[in-house]
Amino acid sequence: MNAKSEIVAQIERLDERDLAELLPLIRQFADRRHPARKPGFLSGLREIQIEAPEDFSTNFDREVIGECGDR
């Protein structure tokens, strides 16, 4: 019998209360072994939102030095 089959067999012998007690331990073990992946750099860039005039990219240099006035 392989390890997974043995674990399943042991779990099937437990009642609901024991399973509720075991579940946090299993989650903790699994989280240590396979931590959740952090979002990548590009995923973070997708979240950036810029509020700017429609012609902002065309007039960027003028916007930076303030030649375009208040909008």
N, C-alpha and C. Protein backbone atom coordinates (compact mmCIF):
# COMPACT_ATOMS: atom_id res chain seq x y z
N MET A 1 0.86 -1.18 0.00
CA MET A 1 0.00 0.00 0.00
C MET A 1 0.91 1.24 0.00
N ASN A 2 0.62 2.21 -0.90
CA ASN A 2 1.44 3.42 -0.92
C ASN A 2 0.98 4.40 0.17
N ALA A 3 1.75 5.44 0.36
CA ALA A 3 1.49 6.39 1.45
C ALA A 3 0.12 7.05 1.32
N LYS A 4 -0.25 7.44 0.10
CA LYS A 4 -1.54 8.11 -0.10
C LYS A 4 -2.69 7.18 0.27
N SER A 5 -2.61 5.93 -0.15
CA SER A 5 -3.66 4.96 0.19
C SER A 5 -3.75 4.74 1.69
N GLU A 6 -2.61 4.68 2.34
CA GLU A 6 -2.58 4.49 3.79
C GLU A 6 -3.21 5.69 4.51
N ILE A 7 -2.88 6.89 4.03
CA ILE A 7 -3.46 8.11 4.64
C ILE A 7 -4.97 8.12 4.46
N VAL A 8 -5.43 7.81 3.26
CA VAL A 8 -6.87 7.78 2.99
C VAL A 8 -7.55 6.75 3.88
N ALA A 9 -6.95 5.59 4.02
CA ALA A 9 -7.52 4.54 4.87
C ALA A 9 -7.64 5.00 6.32
N GLN A 10 -6.61 5.68 6.80
CA GLN A 10 -6.65 6.18 8.18
C GLN A 10 -7.71 7.27 8.34
N ILE A 11 -7.80 8.15 7.36
CA ILE A 11 -8.78 9.25 7.42
C ILE A 11 -10.20 8.71 7.42
N GLU A 12 -10.44 7.67 6.64
CA GLU A 12 -11.79 7.09 6.58
C GLU A 12 -12.23 6.50 7.90
N ARG A 13 -11.32 6.21 8.79
CA ARG A 13 -11.66 5.68 10.11
C ARG A 13 -12.06 6.76 11.10
N LEU A 14 -11.77 8.02 10.78
CA LEU A 14 -12.02 9.12 11.71
C LEU A 14 -13.46 9.61 11.62
N ASP A 15 -13.97 10.09 12.78
CA ASP A 15 -15.31 10.69 12.75
C ASP A 15 -15.19 12.18 12.40
N GLU A 16 -16.32 12.83 12.23
CA GLU A 16 -16.35 14.22 11.77
C GLU A 16 -15.61 15.17 12.72
N ARG A 17 -15.72 14.94 14.01
CA ARG A 17 -15.03 15.79 14.99
C ARG A 17 -13.51 15.69 14.84
N ASP A 18 -13.03 14.46 14.67
CA ASP A 18 -11.60 14.26 14.47
C ASP A 18 -11.12 14.89 13.16
N LEU A 19 -11.93 14.77 12.12
CA LEU A 19 -11.58 15.37 10.84
C LEU A 19 -11.49 16.89 10.95
N ALA A 20 -12.41 17.49 11.70
CA ALA A 20 -12.38 18.94 11.89
C ALA A 20 -11.11 19.37 12.61
N GLU A 21 -10.64 18.54 13.52
CA GLU A 21 -9.39 18.82 14.24
C GLU A 21 -8.16 18.61 13.35
N LEU A 22 -8.25 17.64 12.46
CA LEU A 22 -7.13 17.32 11.58
C LEU A 22 -6.97 18.32 10.42
N LEU A 23 -8.06 18.86 9.96
CA LEU A 23 -8.03 19.72 8.78
C LEU A 23 -7.05 20.90 8.89
N PRO A 24 -7.03 21.67 9.99
CA PRO A 24 -6.05 22.76 10.07
C PRO A 24 -4.60 22.27 9.98
N LEU A 25 -4.32 21.09 10.54
CA LEU A 25 -2.96 20.54 10.47
C LEU A 25 -2.58 20.22 9.03
N ILE A 26 -3.52 19.64 8.30
CA ILE A 26 -3.25 19.31 6.90
C ILE A 26 -3.03 20.58 6.09
N ARG A 27 -3.87 21.58 6.31
CA ARG A 27 -3.71 22.85 5.59
C ARG A 27 -2.37 23.50 5.91
N GLN A 28 -2.00 23.50 7.18
CA GLN A 28 -0.72 24.08 7.58
C GLN A 28 0.45 23.35 6.91
N PHE A 29 0.39 22.04 6.89
CA PHE A 29 1.44 21.24 6.25
C PHE A 29 1.50 21.54 4.75
N ALA A 30 0.35 21.55 4.10
CA ALA A 30 0.31 21.80 2.66
C ALA A 30 0.80 23.20 2.33
N ASP A 31 0.44 24.19 3.14
CA ASP A 31 0.88 25.58 2.90
C ASP A 31 2.40 25.71 3.03
N ARG A 32 2.99 24.99 3.96
CA ARG A 32 4.45 25.03 4.11
C ARG A 32 5.14 24.38 2.92
N ARG A 33 4.57 23.32 2.41
CA ARG A 33 5.17 22.59 1.29
C ARG A 33 4.94 23.27 -0.05
N HIS A 34 3.78 23.88 -0.20
CA HIS A 34 3.40 24.49 -1.48
C HIS A 34 2.79 25.86 -1.21
N PRO A 35 3.63 26.84 -0.88
CA PRO A 35 3.09 28.17 -0.58
C PRO A 35 2.38 28.77 -1.79
N ALA A 36 1.38 29.58 -1.52
CA ALA A 36 0.64 30.24 -2.60
C ALA A 36 1.60 31.12 -3.40
N ARG A 37 1.44 31.09 -4.68
CA ARG A 37 2.31 31.90 -5.53
C ARG A 37 1.90 33.36 -5.44
N LYS A 38 2.90 34.19 -5.32
CA LYS A 38 2.66 35.63 -5.31
C LYS A 38 2.38 36.08 -6.74
N PRO A 39 1.52 37.10 -6.88
CA PRO A 39 1.30 37.61 -8.23
C PRO A 39 2.61 38.10 -8.83
N GLY A 40 2.78 37.89 -10.11
CA GLY A 40 3.99 38.31 -10.79
C GLY A 40 4.04 39.82 -11.01
N PHE A 41 5.18 40.26 -11.45
CA PHE A 41 5.42 41.68 -11.70
C PHE A 41 4.42 42.24 -12.72
N LEU A 42 4.21 41.50 -13.80
CA LEU A 42 3.29 41.98 -14.84
C LEU A 42 1.85 42.03 -14.35
N SER A 43 1.48 41.11 -13.47
CA SER A 43 0.13 41.15 -12.90
C SER A 43 -0.07 42.43 -12.10
N GLY A 44 0.97 42.81 -11.38
CA GLY A 44 0.90 44.06 -10.61
C GLY A 44 0.78 45.27 -11.51
N LEU A 45 1.48 45.26 -12.63
CA LEU A 45 1.40 46.38 -13.56
C LEU A 45 -0.01 46.52 -14.15
N ARG A 46 -0.69 45.41 -14.35
CA ARG A 46 -2.05 45.46 -14.90
C ARG A 46 -3.02 46.18 -13.96
N GLU A 47 -2.69 46.21 -12.68
CA GLU A 47 -3.57 46.84 -11.69
C GLU A 47 -3.44 48.37 -11.66
N ILE A 48 -2.39 48.91 -12.26
CA ILE A 48 -2.15 50.36 -12.23
C ILE A 48 -3.17 51.05 -13.11
N GLN A 49 -3.78 52.09 -12.54
CA GLN A 49 -4.73 52.90 -13.30
C GLN A 49 -4.26 54.35 -13.24
N ILE A 50 -4.23 54.98 -14.38
CA ILE A 50 -3.79 56.37 -14.46
C ILE A 50 -4.96 57.24 -14.88
N GLU A 51 -5.17 58.30 -14.12
CA GLU A 51 -6.18 59.28 -14.50
C GLU A 51 -5.46 60.47 -15.10
N ALA A 52 -5.66 60.70 -16.39
CA ALA A 52 -4.97 61.77 -17.09
C ALA A 52 -5.81 62.21 -18.29
N PRO A 53 -5.52 63.38 -18.81
CA PRO A 53 -6.22 63.83 -20.01
C PRO A 53 -5.97 62.86 -21.17
N GLU A 54 -6.88 62.87 -22.14
CA GLU A 54 -6.80 61.97 -23.28
C GLU A 54 -5.48 62.09 -24.04
N ASP A 55 -4.93 63.30 -24.13
CA ASP A 55 -3.70 63.52 -24.88
C ASP A 55 -2.46 63.52 -23.99
N PHE A 56 -2.56 62.88 -22.82
CA PHE A 56 -1.48 62.89 -21.85
C PHE A 56 -0.16 62.36 -22.43
N SER A 57 -0.23 61.22 -23.12
CA SER A 57 1.02 60.64 -23.64
C SER A 57 1.62 61.51 -24.74
N THR A 58 0.77 62.17 -25.52
CA THR A 58 1.26 63.04 -26.59
C THR A 58 1.96 64.27 -26.03
N ASN A 59 1.40 64.80 -24.96
CA ASN A 59 1.92 66.05 -24.37
C ASN A 59 2.63 65.80 -23.04
N PHE A 60 3.17 64.61 -22.86
CA PHE A 60 3.77 64.27 -21.57
C PHE A 60 4.82 65.28 -21.12
N ASP A 61 5.73 65.64 -22.02
CA ASP A 61 6.79 66.58 -21.63
C ASP A 61 6.21 67.92 -21.21
N ARG A 62 5.17 68.38 -21.89
CA ARG A 62 4.53 69.65 -21.52
C ARG A 62 3.78 69.52 -20.19
N GLU A 63 3.16 68.33 -19.96
CA GLU A 63 2.44 68.09 -18.70
C GLU A 63 3.41 68.13 -17.52
N VAL A 64 4.57 67.54 -17.69
CA VAL A 64 5.55 67.45 -16.60
C VAL A 64 6.03 68.84 -16.18
N ILE A 65 6.31 69.70 -17.12
CA ILE A 65 6.83 71.03 -16.77
C ILE A 65 5.71 72.05 -16.56
N GLY A 66 4.46 71.62 -16.73
CA GLY A 66 3.31 72.46 -16.39
C GLY A 66 2.87 73.42 -17.46
N GLU A 67 3.20 73.21 -18.70
CA GLU A 67 2.80 74.11 -19.78
C GLU A 67 1.37 73.91 -20.23
N CYS A 68 0.75 72.80 -19.85
CA CYS A 68 -0.61 72.52 -20.33
C CYS A 68 -1.68 73.15 -19.46
N GLY A 69 -1.31 73.75 -18.35
CA GLY A 69 -2.28 74.41 -17.47
C GLY A 69 -3.10 73.42 -16.67
N ASP A 70 -3.95 73.94 -15.77
CA ASP A 70 -4.82 73.09 -14.96
C ASP A 70 -5.98 72.58 -15.78
N ARG A 71 -6.25 71.31 -15.64
CA ARG A 71 -7.39 70.70 -16.35
C ARG A 71 -8.31 70.12 -15.34
